[in-house]
Amino acid sequence: MNIDSFDTMVSFKEKAILLFEFQKENNSVYGAFCKALGINQIREVSEIPLLPIQAFKEKELRTTNNEHPTSELYFESSGTSGMQRSRHYLADPEMYKQSILNGINEFYELDEFIMLAYTPGYNDNPYSSLVWMLNVLIEHDKSGLSRFLEVGKPLDLNLLEKINSIGKRVMLFGAAFGLLDLVEMGSSKLPSDSIIMETGGMKTHRREVSKEDLHERLANGFGLSKESIHSEYGMTELLSQAYSTGTQWLNAVPWMKVTVRNPKNPMEEMPSGEEGLIGVIDLANIYSCSFILTGDKGVQNEKGEFKVLGRWNPQNLRGCNFLIDQD
């Protein structure tokens, strides 16, 4: 596929329409989905149908032709034993690496930071896209101080002193439940210029916490301002991420478009301020599917920023088998 997802000289619309044509013709699942909807040609990005994310659990979503890269790598969502998991096949690992580094550099000066990751639960999943992402960020740092923190142990004060001595800042990645556990271990105060990057995972073994409550507890626990608590929005099925930088509102990277859709008619976008299903176009998903209707409830403001309000009731999601299994 002759398209550079990160090329700023080509408009998002042009890249999205090219990618729609490519995936419609070379992804059997997405092609059948478009055919069942009676959609063959589009002129606007808003006309592109979004495939329900459930398809990543039910089908192999591969966009293939004779020229595409090949790789046996795939990511798999976490879950309990025996449950059906999403699987995202990654034909071109370099594409994901480029999306990770380009994406975080849209919001942060990456070389200012030492990356620390506290990811209990994710470490047990050898196919975790989050762990793969964090490894890319850790390997990018040439100081040797970026790392995964040992599970069940409090922050290493000697490590924090070393980071401070070389003039770097701390960026601590982790899901909600892990970060709260880290706070409760004590000795968790961080330098005032640090950033906490929570990656979701709002359900803890205690109870589900709101985003606002979580950020307040993390700020107090790590001795930081609430503006130092940031969020990353990503998932197994996406190769790009969105970030919030000190507010509750997330911003997507330039090669990713987020909309909020009417659950009863996902082709329709909801007005600003009204809740609906989050839809994502991720131009980095060249060799899987770029056009996804997630299972997340969200709301968008007039600037295009969005909030994630939790999971939508799965019973309200239209499955895709009734469409893609038809001849």
Protein backbone atom coordinates (compact mmCIF):
# COMPACT_ATOMS: atom_id res chain seq x y z
CA MET A 1 0.00 0.00 0.00
CA ASN A 2 1.60 3.23 -1.15
CA ILE A 3 0.50 5.48 1.71
CA ASP A 4 2.44 7.13 4.51
CA SER A 5 0.03 7.45 7.44
CA PHE A 6 2.26 10.08 9.08
CA ASP A 7 2.83 12.29 6.01
CA THR A 8 1.63 15.77 6.95
CA MET A 9 1.78 16.91 3.32
CA VAL A 10 -1.21 14.69 2.45
CA SER A 11 -4.60 15.50 3.99
CA PHE A 12 -6.30 13.15 6.43
CA LYS A 13 -9.26 12.92 4.06
CA GLU A 14 -7.12 11.83 1.12
CA LYS A 15 -5.30 9.18 3.16
CA ALA A 16 -8.51 7.88 4.74
CA ILE A 17 -10.30 7.49 1.41
CA LEU A 18 -7.30 5.71 -0.13
CA LEU A 19 -7.15 3.40 2.88
CA PHE A 20 -10.89 2.73 2.71
CA GLU A 21 -10.54 1.59 -0.91
CA PHE A 22 -7.51 -0.55 -0.05
CA GLN A 23 -9.15 -2.27 2.91
CA LYS A 24 -12.51 -2.72 1.20
CA GLU A 25 -10.75 -4.58 -1.62
CA ASN A 26 -8.10 -6.48 0.38
CA ASN A 27 -9.71 -7.19 3.76
CA SER A 28 -12.34 -9.90 3.29
CA VAL A 29 -14.12 -9.13 6.57
CA TYR A 30 -14.31 -5.37 6.05
CA GLY A 31 -15.15 -5.84 2.37
CA ALA A 32 -18.09 -8.11 3.25
CA PHE A 33 -19.22 -5.60 5.89
CA CYS A 34 -19.25 -2.74 3.34
CA LYS A 35 -21.02 -4.93 0.78
CA ALA A 36 -23.72 -5.88 3.29
CA LEU A 37 -24.29 -2.18 4.00
CA GLY A 38 -24.42 -1.42 0.29
CA ILE A 39 -21.44 0.94 0.50
CA ASN A 40 -19.03 0.77 -2.41
CA GLN A 41 -17.79 4.30 -3.03
CA ILE A 42 -17.43 7.26 -0.69
CA ARG A 43 -16.54 10.90 -1.16
CA GLU A 44 -16.26 12.07 2.45
CA VAL A 45 -14.62 10.62 5.53
CA SER A 46 -18.00 10.75 7.30
CA GLU A 47 -19.38 8.22 4.78
CA ILE A 48 -16.86 5.51 5.75
CA PRO A 49 -18.56 2.72 7.76
CA LEU A 50 -17.03 1.74 11.10
CA LEU A 51 -16.69 -1.96 11.80
CA PRO A 52 -17.90 -3.00 15.30
CA ILE A 53 -14.87 -3.84 17.42
CA GLN A 54 -16.37 -7.25 18.23
CA ALA A 55 -15.05 -8.35 14.82
CA PHE A 56 -11.52 -8.52 16.28
CA LYS A 57 -12.80 -11.32 18.54
CA GLU A 58 -14.78 -13.17 15.92
CA LYS A 59 -12.68 -12.90 12.76
CA GLU A 60 -9.10 -12.62 11.51
CA LEU A 61 -8.86 -9.02 10.41
CA ARG A 62 -6.03 -8.97 7.89
CA THR A 63 -5.64 -6.65 4.94
CA THR A 64 -3.41 -8.52 2.51
CA ASN A 65 -2.13 -8.26 -1.01
CA ASN A 66 1.06 -9.50 -2.66
CA GLU A 67 3.05 -6.42 -1.63
CA HIS A 68 2.27 -6.04 2.08
CA PRO A 69 4.85 -6.79 4.83
CA THR A 70 4.59 -10.11 6.64
CA SER A 71 4.98 -10.78 10.35
CA GLU A 72 3.70 -13.42 12.74
CA LEU A 73 3.31 -10.87 15.53
CA TYR A 74 -0.11 -10.29 17.01
CA PHE A 75 -1.57 -8.62 20.09
CA GLU A 76 -4.28 -10.10 22.25
CA SER A 77 -6.53 -8.38 24.76
CA SER A 78 -6.27 -9.36 28.40
CA GLY A 79 -9.01 -11.32 30.11
CA THR A 80 -9.83 -14.26 32.30
CA SER A 81 -9.10 -17.82 31.27
CA GLY A 82 -11.50 -19.13 28.66
CA MET A 83 -13.02 -15.80 27.64
CA GLN A 84 -13.01 -14.74 24.01
CA ARG A 85 -10.24 -12.22 23.36
CA SER A 86 -9.60 -9.68 20.63
CA ARG A 87 -6.64 -10.44 18.43
CA HIS A 88 -4.86 -7.81 16.33
CA TYR A 89 -2.45 -9.14 13.70
CA LEU A 90 0.52 -6.86 13.08
CA ALA A 91 1.96 -7.27 9.60
CA ASP A 92 4.41 -4.38 10.02
CA PRO A 93 5.83 -3.93 13.57
CA GLU A 94 7.80 -0.88 12.41
CA MET A 95 4.49 0.90 11.75
CA TYR A 96 3.46 0.48 15.40
CA LYS A 97 6.87 1.61 16.63
CA GLN A 98 6.69 4.72 14.45
CA SER A 99 3.15 5.49 15.63
CA ILE A 100 4.21 5.16 19.30
CA LEU A 101 7.23 7.46 19.03
CA ASN A 102 5.65 10.00 16.66
CA GLY A 103 2.49 10.02 18.75
CA ILE A 104 4.01 10.71 22.15
CA ASN A 105 6.26 13.36 20.61
CA GLU A 106 3.12 15.20 19.48
CA PHE A 107 2.44 15.98 23.14
CA TYR A 108 5.76 15.65 24.99
CA GLU A 109 9.46 16.19 24.43
CA LEU A 110 10.24 12.50 24.79
CA ASP A 111 13.96 12.94 25.41
CA GLU A 112 13.21 14.93 28.59
CA PHE A 113 11.79 11.86 30.30
CA ILE A 114 12.78 8.61 31.93
CA MET A 115 9.99 6.08 31.40
CA LEU A 116 8.95 3.96 34.37
CA ALA A 117 6.22 1.35 33.93
CA TYR A 118 4.23 -0.38 36.64
CA THR A 119 2.03 -2.94 34.90
CA PRO A 120 0.84 -5.81 37.13
CA GLY A 121 -1.58 -8.01 35.24
CA TYR A 122 -0.29 -6.93 31.84
CA ASN A 123 3.09 -8.58 32.40
CA ASP A 124 1.37 -11.97 32.39
CA ASN A 125 0.08 -11.42 28.85
CA PRO A 126 2.88 -12.14 26.34
CA TYR A 127 0.74 -10.55 23.61
CA SER A 128 0.02 -7.24 25.38
CA SER A 129 0.15 -4.24 23.03
CA LEU A 130 0.66 -1.96 26.06
CA VAL A 131 3.76 -3.86 27.21
CA TRP A 132 5.08 -3.79 23.62
CA MET A 133 4.51 -0.02 23.51
CA LEU A 134 6.26 0.54 26.83
CA ASN A 135 9.23 -1.54 25.67
CA VAL A 136 9.57 0.77 22.66
CA LEU A 137 9.58 3.83 24.92
CA ILE A 138 12.05 2.23 27.36
CA GLU A 139 14.42 1.17 24.59
CA HIS A 140 14.32 4.69 23.12
CA ASP A 141 15.97 6.04 26.29
CA LYS A 142 19.76 5.73 26.05
CA SER A 143 20.44 6.41 29.75
CA GLY A 144 19.56 2.88 30.83
CA LEU A 145 17.34 4.21 33.63
CA SER A 146 13.96 3.63 31.96
CA ARG A 147 12.47 0.30 33.01
CA PHE A 148 9.56 -1.81 34.19
CA LEU A 149 9.26 -1.52 37.96
CA GLU A 150 9.20 -4.68 40.03
CA VAL A 151 5.63 -5.63 40.90
CA GLY A 152 4.75 -5.49 44.59
CA LYS A 153 7.59 -3.18 45.57
CA PRO A 154 7.44 0.57 46.30
CA LEU A 155 9.25 3.18 44.22
CA ASP A 156 13.04 2.94 44.39
CA LEU A 157 14.24 6.22 45.93
CA ASN A 158 17.80 5.60 44.69
CA LEU A 159 16.48 5.35 41.14
CA LEU A 160 14.59 8.63 41.55
CA GLU A 161 17.78 10.31 42.78
CA LYS A 162 19.73 9.01 39.75
CA ILE A 163 17.06 10.35 37.41
CA ASN A 164 17.16 13.72 39.11
CA SER A 165 20.98 13.82 38.99
CA ILE A 166 21.04 13.65 35.18
CA GLY A 167 18.38 16.37 34.81
CA LYS A 168 15.59 14.14 33.50
CA ARG A 169 11.91 14.02 34.44
CA VAL A 170 9.90 10.95 35.42
CA MET A 171 6.95 9.69 33.38
CA LEU A 172 5.27 6.85 35.27
CA PHE A 173 2.94 4.66 33.18
CA GLY A 174 0.37 2.35 34.73
CA ALA A 175 -3.26 1.24 34.86
CA ALA A 176 -5.46 2.66 37.61
CA PHE A 177 -5.42 -0.38 39.88
CA GLY A 178 -1.64 -0.74 39.71
CA LEU A 179 -0.94 2.93 40.38
CA LEU A 180 -3.29 2.93 43.37
CA ASP A 181 -1.51 -0.15 44.74
CA LEU A 182 1.81 1.66 44.31
CA VAL A 183 0.50 4.62 46.28
CA GLU A 184 -0.61 2.36 49.12
CA MET A 185 2.88 0.83 49.43
CA GLY A 186 4.21 4.17 50.69
CA SER A 187 7.41 6.04 49.79
CA SER A 188 5.61 7.13 46.64
CA LYS A 189 6.35 10.85 46.45
CA LEU A 190 7.70 11.87 43.05
CA PRO A 191 9.65 14.98 41.97
CA SER A 192 7.25 17.86 41.34
CA ASP A 193 7.97 17.94 37.58
CA SER A 194 6.96 14.27 37.13
CA ILE A 195 4.00 13.08 35.06
CA ILE A 196 1.74 10.15 35.89
CA MET A 197 0.34 8.53 32.73
CA GLU A 198 -2.65 6.38 33.62
CA THR A 199 -3.71 4.01 30.88
CA GLY A 200 -7.28 3.24 31.97
CA GLY A 201 -8.19 0.04 33.75
CA MET A 202 -10.62 1.83 36.05
CA LYS A 203 -12.00 -1.31 37.67
CA THR A 204 -9.92 -2.26 40.70
CA HIS A 205 -10.33 -5.20 43.03
CA ARG A 206 -11.90 -2.72 45.44
CA ARG A 207 -14.49 -0.92 43.31
CA GLU A 208 -14.79 1.06 40.11
CA VAL A 209 -13.50 4.60 40.53
CA SER A 210 -14.37 7.67 38.47
CA LYS A 211 -11.67 9.32 36.40
CA GLU A 212 -11.86 12.48 38.50
CA ASP A 213 -11.59 10.55 41.76
CA LEU A 214 -8.70 8.50 40.39
CA HIS A 215 -6.72 11.58 39.34
CA GLU A 216 -7.29 13.24 42.71
CA ARG A 217 -6.11 10.15 44.57
CA LEU A 218 -3.05 9.78 42.35
CA ALA A 219 -2.12 13.46 42.73
CA ASN A 220 -2.39 13.27 46.51
CA GLY A 221 -0.62 9.92 46.70
CA PHE A 222 2.36 10.88 44.56
CA GLY A 223 2.60 14.44 45.92
CA LEU A 224 1.81 16.08 42.57
CA SER A 225 -0.64 18.65 41.23
CA LYS A 226 -3.77 17.35 39.46
CA GLU A 227 -2.35 18.88 36.26
CA SER A 228 0.49 16.33 36.50
CA ILE A 229 -1.93 13.39 36.14
CA HIS A 230 -2.37 12.59 32.44
CA SER A 231 -4.20 9.85 30.55
CA GLU A 232 -3.44 7.65 27.56
CA TYR A 233 -6.27 6.11 25.52
CA GLY A 234 -5.36 3.08 23.50
CA MET A 235 -6.45 -0.50 22.97
CA THR A 236 -5.36 -3.80 21.49
CA GLU A 237 -7.19 -3.03 18.25
CA LEU A 238 -5.46 0.33 17.66
CA LEU A 239 -1.87 1.18 16.76
CA SER A 240 -2.29 4.84 17.76
CA GLN A 241 -3.05 6.54 21.06
CA ALA A 242 -4.77 9.66 22.31
CA TYR A 243 -3.55 11.68 25.31
CA SER A 244 -4.97 14.05 27.89
CA THR A 245 -2.39 16.44 29.32
CA GLY A 246 -3.67 17.58 32.69
CA THR A 247 -7.39 17.81 31.93
CA GLN A 248 -10.13 15.20 31.51
CA TRP A 249 -10.22 15.79 27.72
CA LEU A 250 -8.27 13.56 25.31
CA ASN A 251 -6.70 14.66 22.02
CA ALA A 252 -5.97 12.28 19.16
CA VAL A 253 -2.77 12.26 17.12
CA PRO A 254 -3.06 13.79 13.59
CA TRP A 255 -3.36 10.39 11.85
CA MET A 256 -6.25 9.34 14.10
CA LYS A 257 -9.78 10.74 14.01
CA VAL A 258 -12.21 10.22 16.88
CA THR A 259 -15.96 10.81 16.61
CA VAL A 260 -18.93 10.02 18.84
CA ARG A 261 -21.62 8.00 17.06
CA ASN A 262 -25.32 7.39 17.50
CA PRO A 263 -25.58 3.82 18.89
CA LYS A 264 -28.84 3.29 16.98
CA ASN A 265 -27.30 4.50 13.71
CA PRO A 266 -23.46 4.43 13.83
CA MET A 267 -23.22 6.25 10.48
CA GLU A 268 -24.54 9.35 12.29
CA GLU A 269 -22.27 11.54 14.42
CA MET A 270 -23.66 12.88 17.69
CA PRO A 271 -23.68 16.66 18.29
CA SER A 272 -21.04 18.11 20.64
CA GLY A 273 -21.87 17.43 24.26
CA GLU A 274 -24.10 14.41 23.62
CA GLU A 275 -23.08 10.89 24.65
CA GLY A 276 -22.66 8.05 22.20
CA LEU A 277 -20.31 5.32 21.02
CA ILE A 278 -16.71 6.28 20.33
CA GLY A 279 -15.69 5.71 16.73
CA VAL A 280 -12.04 5.72 15.64
CA ILE A 281 -10.27 6.00 12.31
CA ASP A 282 -6.65 4.95 12.86
CA LEU A 283 -4.56 5.39 9.73
CA ALA A 284 -1.73 3.35 11.30
CA ASN A 285 -3.93 0.21 11.08
CA ILE A 286 -3.06 -0.20 7.41
CA TYR A 287 -2.89 -4.01 7.40
CA SER A 288 -5.78 -4.77 9.76
CA CYS A 289 -8.80 -2.42 9.86
CA SER A 290 -8.60 1.35 10.28
CA PHE A 291 -12.31 2.03 10.73
CA ILE A 292 -13.60 0.91 14.13
CA LEU A 293 -16.72 1.40 16.21
CA THR A 294 -15.48 0.82 19.77
CA GLY A 295 -17.46 -0.44 22.73
CA ASP A 296 -16.67 2.72 24.70
CA LYS A 297 -19.16 5.40 25.66
CA GLY A 298 -17.90 8.94 25.12
CA VAL A 299 -18.64 12.58 24.57
CA GLN A 300 -16.90 15.20 22.43
CA ASN A 301 -16.58 18.97 22.78
CA GLU A 302 -16.61 21.60 20.07
CA LYS A 303 -12.80 21.50 19.79
CA GLY A 304 -12.85 17.80 18.89
CA GLU A 305 -11.50 16.67 22.25
CA PHE A 306 -13.23 13.69 23.82
CA LYS A 307 -13.87 11.96 27.13
CA VAL A 308 -14.30 8.25 27.74
CA LEU A 309 -17.29 7.63 30.00
CA GLY A 310 -16.93 3.87 30.46
CA ARG A 311 -18.11 0.85 28.54
CA TRP A 312 -21.36 0.83 26.59
CA ASN A 313 -23.84 -1.90 27.43
CA PRO A 314 -22.72 -4.72 25.07
CA GLN A 315 -26.36 -5.61 24.42
CA ASN A 316 -26.73 -2.26 22.68
CA LEU A 317 -23.89 -2.95 20.25
CA ARG A 318 -24.86 -4.28 16.86
CA GLY A 319 -22.82 -7.39 16.17
CA CYS A 320 -21.19 -7.81 12.81
CA ASN A 321 -21.76 -11.52 12.09
CA PHE A 322 -25.22 -10.86 10.71
CA LEU A 323 -23.51 -8.70 8.08
CA ILE A 324 -20.13 -10.21 7.34
CA ASP A 325 -21.28 -13.82 7.24
CA GLN A 326 -23.66 -13.10 4.38
CA ASP A 327 -22.58 -13.89 0.85
